[in-house]
Protein backbone atom coordinates (compact mmCIF):
# COMPACT_ATOMS: atom_id res chain seq x y z
CA MET A 1 -17.18 11.14 -12.62
CA THR A 2 -19.62 13.28 -14.51
CA GLU A 3 -22.70 15.11 -13.32
CA ALA A 4 -24.78 12.32 -14.83
CA ASP A 5 -23.14 9.86 -12.40
CA ILE A 6 -24.23 11.70 -9.24
CA ASP A 7 -27.38 9.66 -8.48
CA ALA A 8 -25.55 6.37 -8.99
CA VAL A 9 -22.58 7.52 -6.89
CA ALA A 10 -24.95 8.57 -4.10
CA ALA A 11 -26.57 5.13 -4.18
CA VAL A 12 -23.18 3.38 -4.03
CA ARG A 13 -22.07 5.61 -1.14
CA VAL A 14 -25.24 5.25 0.94
CA ARG A 15 -25.54 1.49 0.40
CA GLY A 16 -21.81 1.20 1.09
CA TRP A 17 -22.18 3.02 4.41
CA GLN A 18 -25.16 0.89 5.38
CA ALA A 19 -23.26 -2.33 4.68
CA ALA A 20 -19.75 -1.44 5.87
CA TYR A 21 -20.66 0.37 9.07
CA ARG A 22 -23.44 -1.88 10.39
CA GLY A 23 -22.59 -2.54 14.03
CA LEU A 24 -19.93 0.19 14.02
CA VAL A 25 -22.10 3.32 13.98
CA PRO A 26 -25.60 3.81 15.39
CA GLN A 27 -28.12 1.85 13.33
CA ALA A 28 -30.58 4.75 13.45
CA HIS A 29 -28.02 6.86 11.57
CA LEU A 30 -27.58 4.20 8.89
CA ASP A 31 -31.34 3.76 8.57
CA GLY A 32 -31.73 7.52 8.13
CA LEU A 33 -29.30 7.83 5.25
CA SER A 34 -30.95 8.96 2.04
CA VAL A 35 -29.72 8.48 -1.51
CA GLU A 36 -31.72 11.56 -2.54
CA LYS A 37 -30.15 13.79 0.15
CA ASP A 38 -26.67 12.48 -0.63
CA ALA A 39 -27.21 13.15 -4.35
CA ALA A 40 -28.39 16.70 -3.59
CA ARG A 41 -25.25 17.27 -1.50
CA ARG A 42 -23.07 15.93 -4.31
CA ARG A 43 -24.82 18.18 -6.84
CA GLU A 44 -24.03 21.17 -4.61
CA PHE A 45 -20.34 20.19 -4.50
CA PHE A 46 -20.33 19.63 -8.24
CA SER A 47 -21.96 23.00 -8.96
CA ARG A 48 -19.23 24.84 -7.02
CA GLY A 49 -16.48 23.14 -9.01
CA LEU A 50 -14.32 20.32 -7.84
CA GLY A 51 -11.01 22.20 -7.66
CA ASP A 52 -8.27 19.77 -6.70
CA VAL A 53 -10.71 16.97 -5.86
CA VAL A 54 -10.74 13.90 -8.11
CA ASN A 55 -13.86 11.71 -8.27
CA LEU A 56 -13.44 8.34 -9.96
CA VAL A 57 -16.15 5.88 -10.89
CA ALA A 58 -16.00 2.21 -11.79
CA GLU A 59 -18.59 0.98 -14.27
CA ASN A 60 -19.72 -2.50 -15.17
CA ALA A 61 -19.84 -3.76 -18.76
CA GLY A 62 -23.28 -2.17 -19.16
CA GLY A 63 -22.00 1.26 -18.16
CA LYS A 64 -23.64 1.30 -14.71
CA VAL A 65 -21.67 2.83 -11.81
CA VAL A 66 -20.63 0.10 -9.36
CA GLY A 67 -17.93 1.92 -7.39
CA TRP A 68 -16.67 5.38 -6.50
CA ALA A 69 -13.52 6.90 -5.03
CA CYS A 70 -12.71 10.49 -4.14
CA LEU A 71 -9.32 12.03 -3.34
CA GLY A 72 -7.62 15.38 -3.05
CA PRO A 73 -5.35 17.39 -0.78
CA TYR A 74 -5.12 16.26 2.85
CA ARG A 75 -7.72 18.23 4.84
CA ASP A 76 -6.75 18.04 8.52
CA ARG A 77 -4.43 20.63 10.00
CA ASP A 78 -2.58 18.19 12.26
CA LEU A 79 0.09 17.51 9.62
CA PRO A 80 2.04 19.81 7.34
CA SER A 81 0.21 20.31 4.06
CA GLY A 82 1.38 18.65 0.89
CA ASP A 83 -0.05 15.14 1.19
CA ALA A 84 -3.07 13.66 -0.56
CA GLU A 85 -6.07 12.10 1.15
CA LEU A 86 -8.37 9.36 -0.04
CA TYR A 87 -11.64 10.86 1.17
CA ALA A 88 -13.84 7.92 0.24
CA ILE A 89 -13.95 4.64 -1.61
CA TYR A 90 -17.09 2.55 -1.91
CA VAL A 91 -18.19 -0.41 -4.00
CA ARG A 92 -21.71 -1.70 -4.39
CA PRO A 93 -22.00 -4.13 -1.43
CA ASP A 94 -22.94 -7.13 -3.57
CA LEU A 95 -19.73 -6.64 -5.60
CA ILE A 96 -17.22 -6.38 -2.73
CA GLY A 97 -14.37 -8.81 -3.31
CA THR A 98 -14.60 -8.70 -7.11
CA GLY A 99 -11.60 -6.38 -7.65
CA ILE A 100 -13.52 -3.15 -8.18
CA GLY A 101 -12.26 -1.60 -4.95
CA HIS A 102 -8.71 -2.65 -5.74
CA ALA A 103 -8.95 -1.05 -9.20
CA LEU A 104 -10.31 2.20 -7.70
CA LEU A 105 -7.60 2.26 -5.03
CA THR A 106 -4.86 1.56 -7.58
CA GLU A 107 -6.10 4.40 -9.79
CA SER A 108 -6.35 6.71 -6.77
CA ILE A 109 -2.74 5.95 -5.84
CA THR A 110 -1.67 6.59 -9.44
CA ARG A 111 -3.54 9.90 -9.62
CA ALA A 112 -2.08 11.12 -6.31
CA ALA A 113 1.46 10.15 -7.38
CA GLU A 114 1.03 11.86 -10.78
CA ARG A 115 0.15 15.07 -8.95
CA GLY A 116 3.39 14.87 -7.00
CA PHE A 117 1.95 14.12 -3.56
CA PRO A 118 4.55 12.38 -1.35
CA HIS A 119 1.96 10.40 0.66
CA LEU A 120 -1.62 9.25 0.36
CA ARG A 121 -3.47 9.25 3.68
CA LEU A 122 -6.92 8.02 4.68
CA TRP A 123 -9.09 7.58 7.75
CA VAL A 124 -10.71 4.22 8.51
CA LEU A 125 -12.99 3.18 11.35
CA GLU A 126 -10.93 1.27 13.89
CA GLY A 127 -13.52 -1.51 14.04
CA ASN A 128 -13.72 -1.91 10.26
CA THR A 129 -11.25 -4.78 10.08
CA HIS A 130 -12.26 -5.70 6.53
CA ALA A 131 -11.32 -2.22 5.24
CA ARG A 132 -8.16 -2.10 7.34
CA HIS A 133 -6.94 -5.37 5.82
CA PHE A 134 -7.85 -4.09 2.33
CA TYR A 135 -5.68 -1.00 2.83
CA GLU A 136 -2.86 -2.94 4.48
CA ARG A 137 -2.69 -5.33 1.51
CA ALA A 138 -2.25 -2.24 -0.68
CA GLY A 139 0.75 -1.01 1.33
CA PHE A 140 -0.97 1.38 3.76
CA THR A 141 0.05 1.34 7.42
CA PRO A 142 -1.29 3.14 10.49
CA ASP A 143 0.71 6.34 10.99
CA GLY A 144 -0.30 7.00 14.60
CA GLY A 145 -3.16 9.38 13.85
CA GLN A 146 -6.32 8.67 15.85
CA GLU A 147 -9.54 10.55 16.40
CA ASP A 148 -13.14 9.98 17.36
CA TYR A 149 -15.60 10.62 14.56
CA ALA A 150 -18.94 11.57 16.12
CA VAL A 151 -21.99 9.91 14.59
CA ASP A 152 -25.23 11.11 16.16
CA GLY A 153 -23.26 12.01 19.27
CA VAL A 154 -21.62 8.59 19.54
CA PRO A 155 -17.81 8.60 19.28
CA VAL A 156 -16.55 6.19 16.62
CA PRO A 157 -12.76 5.73 16.74
CA GLU A 158 -10.87 6.23 13.49
CA LEU A 159 -7.27 5.45 12.60
CA ARG A 160 -5.23 7.27 9.99
CA TYR A 161 -3.33 5.17 7.47
CA ALA A 162 -0.65 6.35 5.06
CA ARG A 163 1.31 5.10 2.10
CA SER A 164 4.37 6.68 0.54
CA LEU A 165 4.02 7.45 -3.14
CA ALA A 166 6.79 7.06 -5.64
CA PRO A 167 7.08 10.07 -7.92
CA THR A 168 5.89 9.36 -11.44
CA ARG A 169 7.20 10.81 -14.65
CA VAL A 170 4.75 12.01 -17.23
């Protein structure tokens, strides 16, 4: 991802949230999401430097961003450090099921393994059965981690999934 991709990534993320989480999080929250605010937030992150965070984009044949994934070191303190976390993966809603998400996830797994992380972890909304099946098909399994993610004061249960990574040789 480059700085020039930020607006397109924000659009993919916001539209992805609005499609994937309809019926799972308060509709007022989804309706209030703003591509412009998300882009401003991403610009702030970008301006501070990405550090160990990897942002990947998928582009169509015309060079337009159609998907985005973000990964880096595992952030929660409930496990010993050393694992990677897939922070986000979104595909333009009209292109779900076309292989873009699979390509982003495969590249995310590769990048985490190349960096020597033993596991890749992620959080998924318990009620998001479509995403859970997507991750399960890619070898992720629930690892017992559970928490409520609060959205506008409403608890939304999340499950943590994990996948072991085979070390890669460069």
